[in-house]
Amino acid sequence: MKIIKEFIENESASGILLIFATILALLLSNSFLSAYYDSFLHIPVEIRVGPLHLDKSLYHWVNDGLMAVFFLLIGLEVKREILEGHLSSLSQIALPGFAAIGGMVVPAAVYLYFNINDPVAVSGWAIPTATDIAFALGILSLLGNRVPMSLKIFLMALAIIDDLGAIVIIALFYTTELSTLSIGVAMGALLGLMALNYFGVAKKAAYFILGIVLWISVLKSGVHATLAGVALAFTIPLNAKGEDGEMFSPLKEIEHGLHFWVAFFILPLFAFVNAGVNVTNISLDQMSGSVPLGIMLGLFVGKQLGVFGFSAIAIKLKWAKLPEDSNWQQLYGVSVLTGIGFTMSLFIVSLAFVDDTLFNYTDKLAILIASVLSGVLGYLLLKFAKTSN
């Protein structure tokens, strides 16, 4: 229970910091400082070691590099929850599992309804399928004890399954042309990591050294580099024997160590470099286009319908139970909060539409609008919902 409370507290505080980072990015990109903001995003950062050459802008280092650390943390959380947490049994996984499926299928269907005939726009179908756990838990933290712990755990489990779904989607649908050599090196590094796990190696440094090799090779392969973080996470042992003969958890130690940096540095920086949408050149006419409309309705309408609808069906059919000490109004309020896509939605936008200007930033603005609407409505519903106590 202590780990859960710590997770929720960190994510809640991070959600509030994300709001400030987003507002700052929007202010800079829509003021006389916009040129400086744009220059900051495109600062060249180069690493060269012999024949190995990595040359990317700061924007890409954040999205391809730092976000790999974010996905490493997600992978660690998923593995821990599957082995001993809230995803370790069918009874625990049932409700958030059904809710997460609904929260991915319905928003994708809404988006495709508007964009199915556009071969370029259709690749953005996964944008409204994501939930930003930091923002959502940040909203819940403002409500204090009005929201029972069981609903916070439900939202946390749902978001973790949601993230797992996003990982699968990225791997299957957002992979470019593959480099056979790089894939071979990546497979070698992954086999090495699995061998470390199999032979009970407890030294975290060994995993990180091979993990860096894995990340670089995946980055060069055409598969998105963030997936290296997930692969590394699943090879790190939950329990191992240290040099002193005492058992400890490398996974939990790494997870605990990363949480602060991800919550208070990586995600706010990601928000800052991705949320700076210049709205001065965006008209209402453009916002009524099929892409922004599909994203907004997918997140704001599709998410709540999918999560609440699939949850209600599962509960009515007795495949799952309503979270303890909660009621239908509160479950609906939390379902609305899942429409806060923000971090993962912005990340998927960068994969689906490599050219930022393709839709004149209306896609990013649509994510921000839908996330704000979901956050405000979800907060009001939970604020005025009857409590079960």
Protein backbone atom coordinates (compact mmCIF):
# COMPACT_ATOMS: atom_id res chain seq x y z
CA MET A 1 0.00 0.00 0.00
CA LYS A 2 2.94 2.33 0.72
CA ILE A 3 4.23 1.91 -2.87
CA ILE A 4 0.77 2.76 -4.28
CA LYS A 5 0.45 5.92 -2.16
CA GLU A 6 3.96 7.02 -3.13
CA PHE A 7 3.16 6.39 -6.80
CA ILE A 8 -0.06 8.41 -6.61
CA GLU A 9 1.59 11.27 -4.72
CA ASN A 10 4.44 11.50 -7.24
CA GLU A 11 2.12 11.30 -10.25
CA SER A 12 -0.24 13.90 -8.76
CA ALA A 13 2.55 16.40 -8.13
CA SER A 14 3.94 15.68 -11.60
CA GLY A 15 0.53 16.38 -13.12
CA ILE A 16 0.48 19.84 -11.57
CA LEU A 17 4.03 20.51 -12.83
CA LEU A 18 2.96 19.34 -16.31
CA ILE A 19 0.23 21.99 -16.30
CA PHE A 20 2.78 24.74 -15.58
CA ALA A 21 5.19 23.42 -18.25
CA THR A 22 2.36 23.36 -20.79
CA ILE A 23 1.19 26.89 -19.96
CA LEU A 24 4.78 28.19 -20.17
CA ALA A 25 5.28 26.54 -23.57
CA LEU A 26 2.02 28.03 -24.87
CA LEU A 27 2.93 31.51 -23.57
CA LEU A 28 6.39 31.40 -25.16
CA SER A 29 5.19 30.04 -28.51
CA ASN A 30 2.46 32.71 -28.75
CA SER A 31 4.53 35.75 -27.76
CA PHE A 32 7.47 37.79 -29.04
CA LEU A 33 9.66 35.01 -27.59
CA SER A 34 8.39 32.39 -30.06
CA ALA A 35 11.56 32.55 -32.19
CA TYR A 36 13.70 31.85 -29.10
CA TYR A 37 11.43 28.97 -28.11
CA ASP A 38 11.74 27.47 -31.59
CA SER A 39 15.52 27.90 -31.53
CA PHE A 40 15.65 26.12 -28.16
CA LEU A 41 13.80 23.12 -29.62
CA HIS A 42 16.24 22.87 -32.51
CA ILE A 43 19.49 23.14 -30.56
CA PRO A 44 21.77 20.52 -32.20
CA VAL A 45 23.13 17.89 -29.81
CA GLU A 46 25.80 15.56 -31.21
CA ILE A 47 27.52 12.48 -29.77
CA ARG A 48 30.38 10.86 -31.69
CA VAL A 49 32.36 7.81 -30.53
CA GLY A 50 34.53 6.46 -33.34
CA PRO A 51 32.24 5.46 -36.23
CA LEU A 52 29.13 5.86 -34.02
CA HIS A 53 27.49 9.20 -34.74
CA LEU A 54 24.26 10.49 -33.16
CA ASP A 55 23.23 13.96 -34.30
CA LYS A 56 19.76 15.15 -33.35
CA SER A 57 17.96 18.30 -32.25
CA LEU A 58 17.07 18.78 -28.58
CA TYR A 59 13.43 18.07 -29.50
CA HIS A 60 14.36 14.64 -30.89
CA TRP A 61 16.70 13.83 -27.98
CA VAL A 62 13.79 14.42 -25.61
CA ASN A 63 11.33 12.34 -27.68
CA ASP A 64 13.72 9.51 -28.62
CA GLY A 65 16.10 9.54 -25.66
CA LEU A 66 14.50 10.80 -22.47
CA MET A 67 11.17 9.22 -23.37
CA ALA A 68 12.95 5.85 -23.54
CA VAL A 69 13.64 6.33 -19.82
CA PHE A 70 9.93 7.09 -19.33
CA PHE A 71 9.05 3.84 -21.12
CA LEU A 72 11.64 2.01 -19.01
CA LEU A 73 9.72 3.17 -15.93
CA ILE A 74 6.42 2.10 -17.48
CA GLY A 75 7.89 -1.33 -18.25
CA LEU A 76 9.13 -1.72 -14.68
CA GLU A 77 5.71 -0.75 -13.30
CA VAL A 78 3.91 -3.14 -15.64
CA LYS A 79 6.24 -6.04 -14.75
CA ARG A 80 5.90 -5.41 -11.00
CA GLU A 81 2.12 -5.11 -11.20
CA ILE A 82 1.87 -8.33 -13.24
CA LEU A 83 4.12 -10.31 -10.88
CA GLU A 84 2.84 -9.13 -7.51
CA GLY A 85 0.59 -6.10 -7.86
CA HIS A 86 -2.84 -5.11 -9.11
CA LEU A 87 -2.51 -6.98 -12.40
CA SER A 88 -1.43 -10.27 -10.83
CA SER A 89 -4.82 -12.01 -10.81
CA LEU A 90 -7.87 -12.17 -13.07
CA SER A 91 -10.14 -10.66 -10.41
CA GLN A 92 -7.85 -7.65 -10.03
CA ILE A 93 -7.26 -7.12 -13.74
CA ALA A 94 -10.87 -7.64 -14.86
CA LEU A 95 -12.42 -4.18 -14.44
CA PRO A 96 -9.42 -2.03 -15.47
CA GLY A 97 -8.75 -4.51 -18.28
CA PHE A 98 -12.23 -4.19 -19.79
CA ALA A 99 -12.17 -0.43 -19.21
CA ALA A 100 -8.79 -0.06 -20.94
CA ILE A 101 -9.97 -2.07 -23.96
CA GLY A 102 -13.06 0.12 -24.28
CA GLY A 103 -10.90 3.21 -23.79
CA MET A 104 -8.78 2.23 -26.79
CA VAL A 105 -11.34 0.72 -29.17
CA VAL A 106 -14.08 3.40 -29.00
CA PRO A 107 -11.81 6.50 -29.36
CA ALA A 108 -10.00 4.85 -32.30
CA ALA A 109 -13.38 4.11 -33.92
CA VAL A 110 -14.50 7.73 -33.43
CA TYR A 111 -11.30 9.04 -35.03
CA LEU A 112 -11.54 6.59 -37.94
CA TYR A 113 -15.18 7.62 -38.54
CA PHE A 114 -13.93 11.09 -39.49
CA ASN A 115 -10.68 10.13 -41.22
CA ILE A 116 -11.10 6.67 -42.76
CA ASN A 117 -11.00 8.03 -46.33
CA ASP A 118 -7.84 10.13 -45.87
CA PRO A 119 -4.73 7.94 -46.34
CA VAL A 120 -2.51 10.46 -44.52
CA ALA A 121 -4.82 11.33 -41.63
CA VAL A 122 -5.81 7.71 -40.97
CA SER A 123 -2.37 6.97 -39.49
CA GLY A 124 -3.34 9.11 -36.48
CA TRP A 125 -6.02 6.64 -35.32
CA ALA A 126 -4.09 5.81 -32.12
CA ILE A 127 -3.77 9.44 -30.94
CA PRO A 128 -7.00 9.52 -28.87
CA THR A 129 -6.50 6.05 -27.37
CA ALA A 130 -4.07 7.22 -24.64
CA THR A 131 -4.57 8.34 -21.03
CA ASP A 132 -2.14 10.60 -19.17
CA ILE A 133 -1.85 9.06 -15.69
CA ALA A 134 0.07 12.02 -14.24
CA PHE A 135 -2.55 14.59 -15.29
CA ALA A 136 -5.50 12.38 -14.29
CA LEU A 137 -4.09 11.61 -10.84
CA GLY A 138 -3.18 15.27 -10.49
CA ILE A 139 -6.88 16.13 -10.87
CA LEU A 140 -7.84 13.41 -8.38
CA SER A 141 -5.36 14.80 -5.84
CA LEU A 142 -7.28 18.09 -5.85
CA LEU A 143 -10.37 16.21 -4.67
CA GLY A 144 -8.72 14.65 -1.60
CA ASN A 145 -10.82 12.06 0.22
CA ARG A 146 -13.89 12.62 -1.97
CA VAL A 147 -12.47 9.94 -4.27
CA PRO A 148 -11.97 6.51 -2.63
CA MET A 149 -8.55 4.84 -2.88
CA SER A 150 -10.12 1.95 -4.84
CA LEU A 151 -10.97 4.32 -7.73
CA LYS A 152 -7.45 5.77 -7.73
CA ILE A 153 -6.06 2.24 -7.95
CA PHE A 154 -8.58 1.47 -10.73
CA LEU A 155 -7.37 4.51 -12.69
CA MET A 156 -3.73 3.62 -12.08
CA ALA A 157 -4.22 0.00 -13.26
CA LEU A 158 -6.26 1.16 -16.27
CA ALA A 159 -3.54 3.64 -17.27
CA ILE A 160 -0.83 0.99 -16.95
CA ILE A 161 -2.78 -1.40 -19.22
CA ASP A 162 -3.41 1.57 -21.51
CA ASP A 163 0.34 2.25 -21.66
CA LEU A 164 0.98 -1.41 -22.42
CA GLY A 165 -1.51 -1.14 -25.28
CA ALA A 166 0.28 1.99 -26.54
CA ILE A 167 3.60 0.09 -26.50
CA VAL A 168 2.11 -2.69 -28.65
CA ILE A 169 0.56 -0.13 -31.03
CA ILE A 170 3.87 1.73 -31.44
CA ALA A 171 5.74 -1.52 -32.08
CA LEU A 172 3.22 -2.79 -34.66
CA PHE A 173 2.05 0.35 -36.45
CA TYR A 174 4.70 3.06 -36.07
CA THR A 175 7.84 1.28 -37.23
CA THR A 176 9.68 2.58 -40.31
CA GLU A 177 12.04 0.74 -42.67
CA LEU A 178 14.19 -1.70 -40.74
CA SER A 179 17.99 -2.00 -40.71
CA THR A 180 18.95 -5.69 -40.59
CA LEU A 181 22.35 -4.98 -39.01
CA SER A 182 20.92 -2.79 -36.24
CA ILE A 183 18.13 -5.29 -35.57
CA GLY A 184 20.78 -8.02 -35.24
CA VAL A 185 22.78 -5.96 -32.72
CA ALA A 186 19.57 -5.18 -30.79
CA MET A 187 18.66 -8.88 -30.65
CA GLY A 188 22.17 -9.70 -29.41
CA ALA A 189 21.88 -7.08 -26.66
CA LEU A 190 18.43 -8.35 -25.70
CA LEU A 191 19.68 -11.96 -25.53
CA GLY A 192 22.54 -10.73 -23.34
CA LEU A 193 20.07 -9.04 -20.99
CA MET A 194 17.96 -12.20 -20.81
CA ALA A 195 21.10 -14.20 -20.00
CA LEU A 196 21.93 -11.81 -17.14
CA ASN A 197 18.46 -12.36 -15.75
CA TYR A 198 18.60 -16.14 -16.22
CA PHE A 199 21.92 -16.48 -14.40
CA GLY A 200 20.72 -14.27 -11.55
CA VAL A 201 23.09 -11.34 -12.13
CA ALA A 202 22.15 -8.67 -9.59
CA LYS A 203 24.43 -5.79 -10.67
CA LYS A 204 22.24 -3.02 -12.08
CA ALA A 205 25.19 -1.51 -13.98
CA ALA A 206 25.44 -4.63 -16.15
CA TYR A 207 21.82 -4.20 -17.26
CA PHE A 208 22.28 -0.49 -17.97
CA ILE A 209 25.43 -1.02 -20.08
CA LEU A 210 23.69 -3.57 -22.29
CA GLY A 211 20.56 -1.39 -22.16
CA ILE A 212 22.47 1.52 -23.73
CA VAL A 213 23.71 -0.79 -26.52
CA LEU A 214 20.11 -1.94 -27.00
CA TRP A 215 18.79 1.65 -27.14
CA ILE A 216 21.37 2.81 -29.70
CA SER A 217 20.82 -0.21 -31.94
CA VAL A 218 17.02 0.13 -31.75
CA LEU A 219 17.36 3.88 -32.48
CA LYS A 220 19.33 3.02 -35.63
CA SER A 221 17.08 0.10 -36.61
CA GLY A 222 13.85 1.87 -37.61
CA VAL A 223 11.90 0.55 -34.61
CA HIS A 224 11.06 3.41 -32.27
CA ALA A 225 13.84 3.82 -29.68
CA THR A 226 11.48 4.08 -26.70
CA LEU A 227 10.65 0.38 -27.06
CA ALA A 228 14.21 -0.38 -25.94
CA GLY A 229 13.23 0.98 -22.53
CA VAL A 230 10.36 -1.48 -22.24
CA ALA A 231 12.49 -4.42 -23.39
CA LEU A 232 15.18 -3.52 -20.83
CA ALA A 233 12.57 -3.25 -18.06
CA PHE A 234 11.24 -6.76 -18.66
CA THR A 235 14.72 -8.28 -18.27
CA ILE A 236 15.49 -6.65 -14.91
CA PRO A 237 14.83 -9.17 -12.10
CA LEU A 238 12.18 -8.51 -9.49
CA ASN A 239 14.27 -10.30 -6.84
CA ALA A 240 17.97 -11.16 -6.79
CA LYS A 241 20.72 -12.10 -4.32
CA GLY A 242 23.25 -9.37 -3.57
CA GLU A 243 26.98 -9.76 -2.91
CA ASP A 244 26.28 -10.00 0.83
CA GLY A 245 23.92 -12.92 0.22
CA GLU A 246 20.84 -10.85 1.11
CA MET A 247 17.82 -10.81 -1.22
CA PHE A 248 16.80 -7.46 -2.70
CA SER A 249 14.75 -6.14 -5.62
CA PRO A 250 16.76 -4.53 -8.45
CA LEU A 251 13.48 -3.76 -10.23
CA LYS A 252 11.96 -1.86 -7.30
CA GLU A 253 15.19 0.01 -6.58
CA ILE A 254 15.48 1.20 -10.19
CA GLU A 255 11.76 2.04 -10.33
CA HIS A 256 12.01 4.05 -7.12
CA GLY A 257 15.14 5.85 -8.33
CA LEU A 258 13.65 6.73 -11.72
CA HIS A 259 10.27 7.93 -10.48
CA PHE A 260 11.47 11.33 -9.29
CA TRP A 261 13.44 12.08 -12.46
CA VAL A 262 10.63 10.98 -14.77
CA ALA A 263 7.89 12.77 -12.82
CA PHE A 264 9.71 16.03 -12.16
CA PHE A 265 12.15 16.38 -15.05
CA ILE A 266 11.51 14.16 -18.08
CA LEU A 267 7.72 14.55 -18.39
CA PRO A 268 7.66 18.32 -17.71
CA LEU A 269 10.49 18.79 -20.27
CA PHE A 270 8.58 16.62 -22.75
CA ALA A 271 5.47 18.76 -22.18
CA PHE A 272 7.50 21.94 -22.61
CA VAL A 273 9.01 20.93 -25.98
CA ASN A 274 5.82 19.36 -27.38
CA ALA A 275 2.96 21.58 -26.15
CA GLY A 276 4.17 24.86 -27.60
CA VAL A 277 1.42 25.29 -30.19
CA ASN A 278 1.22 28.68 -31.90
CA VAL A 279 -2.53 29.27 -31.95
CA THR A 280 -2.38 32.70 -33.59
CA ASN A 281 -2.47 31.15 -37.07
CA ILE A 282 -5.16 28.56 -36.30
CA SER A 283 -8.75 29.39 -37.26
CA LEU A 284 -12.02 27.87 -36.07
CA ASP A 285 -12.46 26.60 -39.60
CA GLN A 286 -9.21 24.62 -39.35
CA MET A 287 -10.22 23.21 -35.97
CA SER A 288 -13.36 21.78 -37.56
CA GLY A 289 -11.22 19.65 -39.89
CA SER A 290 -11.48 15.87 -39.74
CA VAL A 291 -8.18 15.34 -37.87
CA PRO A 292 -8.69 17.80 -34.97
CA LEU A 293 -12.37 16.87 -34.78
CA GLY A 294 -11.54 13.15 -34.67
CA ILE A 295 -8.95 13.72 -31.92
CA MET A 296 -11.16 15.98 -29.79
CA LEU A 297 -14.25 13.79 -30.00
CA GLY A 298 -12.17 10.63 -29.69
CA LEU A 299 -10.59 11.81 -26.43
CA PHE A 300 -13.46 13.75 -24.89
CA VAL A 301 -16.40 11.58 -25.99
CA GLY A 302 -14.89 8.27 -27.11
CA LYS A 303 -12.74 7.76 -24.02
CA GLN A 304 -15.52 8.25 -21.47
CA LEU A 305 -17.99 6.16 -23.49
CA GLY A 306 -15.48 3.37 -23.99
CA VAL A 307 -14.19 3.22 -20.41
CA PHE A 308 -17.56 3.64 -18.68
CA GLY A 309 -19.49 1.57 -21.21
CA PHE A 310 -17.16 -1.43 -21.14
CA SER A 311 -16.89 -1.17 -17.33
CA ALA A 312 -20.68 -1.12 -16.96
CA ILE A 313 -21.09 -4.15 -19.23
CA ALA A 314 -18.43 -6.09 -17.29
CA ILE A 315 -20.05 -5.22 -13.94
CA LYS A 316 -23.61 -6.00 -15.12
CA LEU A 317 -22.48 -9.36 -16.49
CA LYS A 318 -20.71 -10.02 -13.16
CA TRP A 319 -17.33 -10.33 -14.86
CA ALA A 320 -16.05 -7.58 -12.57
CA LYS A 321 -17.11 -5.60 -9.52
CA LEU A 322 -17.64 -1.89 -8.89
CA PRO A 323 -14.57 -0.58 -7.00
CA GLU A 324 -15.00 -0.72 -3.22
CA ASP A 325 -16.69 2.30 -1.52
CA SER A 326 -17.48 3.88 -4.91
CA ASN A 327 -20.66 4.40 -6.92
CA TRP A 328 -21.69 4.75 -10.57
CA GLN A 329 -21.42 8.57 -10.54
CA GLN A 330 -17.84 8.40 -9.30
CA LEU A 331 -16.92 5.69 -11.81
CA TYR A 332 -18.31 7.89 -14.59
CA GLY A 333 -16.33 10.88 -13.30
CA VAL A 334 -13.10 8.87 -13.42
CA SER A 335 -14.04 7.60 -16.89
CA VAL A 336 -14.26 11.22 -18.08
CA LEU A 337 -10.78 11.91 -16.66
CA THR A 338 -9.33 9.20 -18.92
CA GLY A 339 -9.96 11.61 -21.80
CA ILE A 340 -6.87 13.51 -20.63
CA GLY A 341 -4.56 12.12 -23.29
CA PHE A 342 -1.81 14.74 -23.19
CA THR A 343 1.68 13.13 -22.81
CA MET A 344 1.12 9.85 -24.67
CA SER A 345 -1.22 11.45 -27.23
CA LEU A 346 1.36 14.14 -28.04
CA PHE A 347 3.98 11.40 -28.30
CA ILE A 348 1.88 9.37 -30.74
CA VAL A 349 1.25 12.53 -32.80
CA SER A 350 5.02 12.86 -33.27
CA LEU A 351 5.08 9.27 -34.60
CA ALA A 352 1.93 9.41 -36.75
CA PHE A 353 2.66 12.79 -38.35
CA VAL A 354 6.43 13.23 -38.56
CA ASP A 355 5.96 16.67 -40.16
CA ASP A 356 4.80 18.93 -37.32
CA THR A 357 3.24 21.42 -39.74
CA LEU A 358 1.21 18.82 -41.66
CA PHE A 359 -2.06 19.91 -40.03
CA ASN A 360 -0.84 23.34 -38.91
CA TYR A 361 -0.58 22.14 -35.29
CA THR A 362 -4.37 21.66 -35.08
CA ASP A 363 -3.71 18.03 -34.03
CA LYS A 364 -1.73 19.13 -30.95
CA LEU A 365 -4.21 21.88 -30.09
CA ALA A 366 -7.05 19.33 -30.33
CA ILE A 367 -5.26 17.16 -27.74
CA LEU A 368 -4.87 20.13 -25.40
CA ILE A 369 -8.52 21.20 -25.77
CA ALA A 370 -9.89 17.67 -25.25
CA SER A 371 -7.60 17.11 -22.26
CA VAL A 372 -8.69 20.38 -20.61
CA LEU A 373 -12.38 19.64 -21.22
CA SER A 374 -12.00 16.10 -19.83
CA GLY A 375 -10.09 17.36 -16.80
CA VAL A 376 -12.59 20.12 -15.96
CA LEU A 377 -15.72 17.99 -16.49
CA GLY A 378 -14.22 15.01 -14.64
CA TYR A 379 -13.26 17.22 -11.71
CA LEU A 380 -16.75 18.78 -11.50
CA LEU A 381 -18.49 15.40 -11.73
CA LEU A 382 -16.37 13.96 -8.90
CA LYS A 383 -16.58 17.16 -6.85
CA PHE A 384 -20.37 17.09 -6.76
CA ALA A 385 -20.93 13.32 -6.90
CA LYS A 386 -22.55 11.68 -3.91
CA THR A 387 -20.03 9.72 -1.89
CA SER A 388 -20.67 6.18 -0.73
CA ASN A 389 -19.59 6.91 2.87
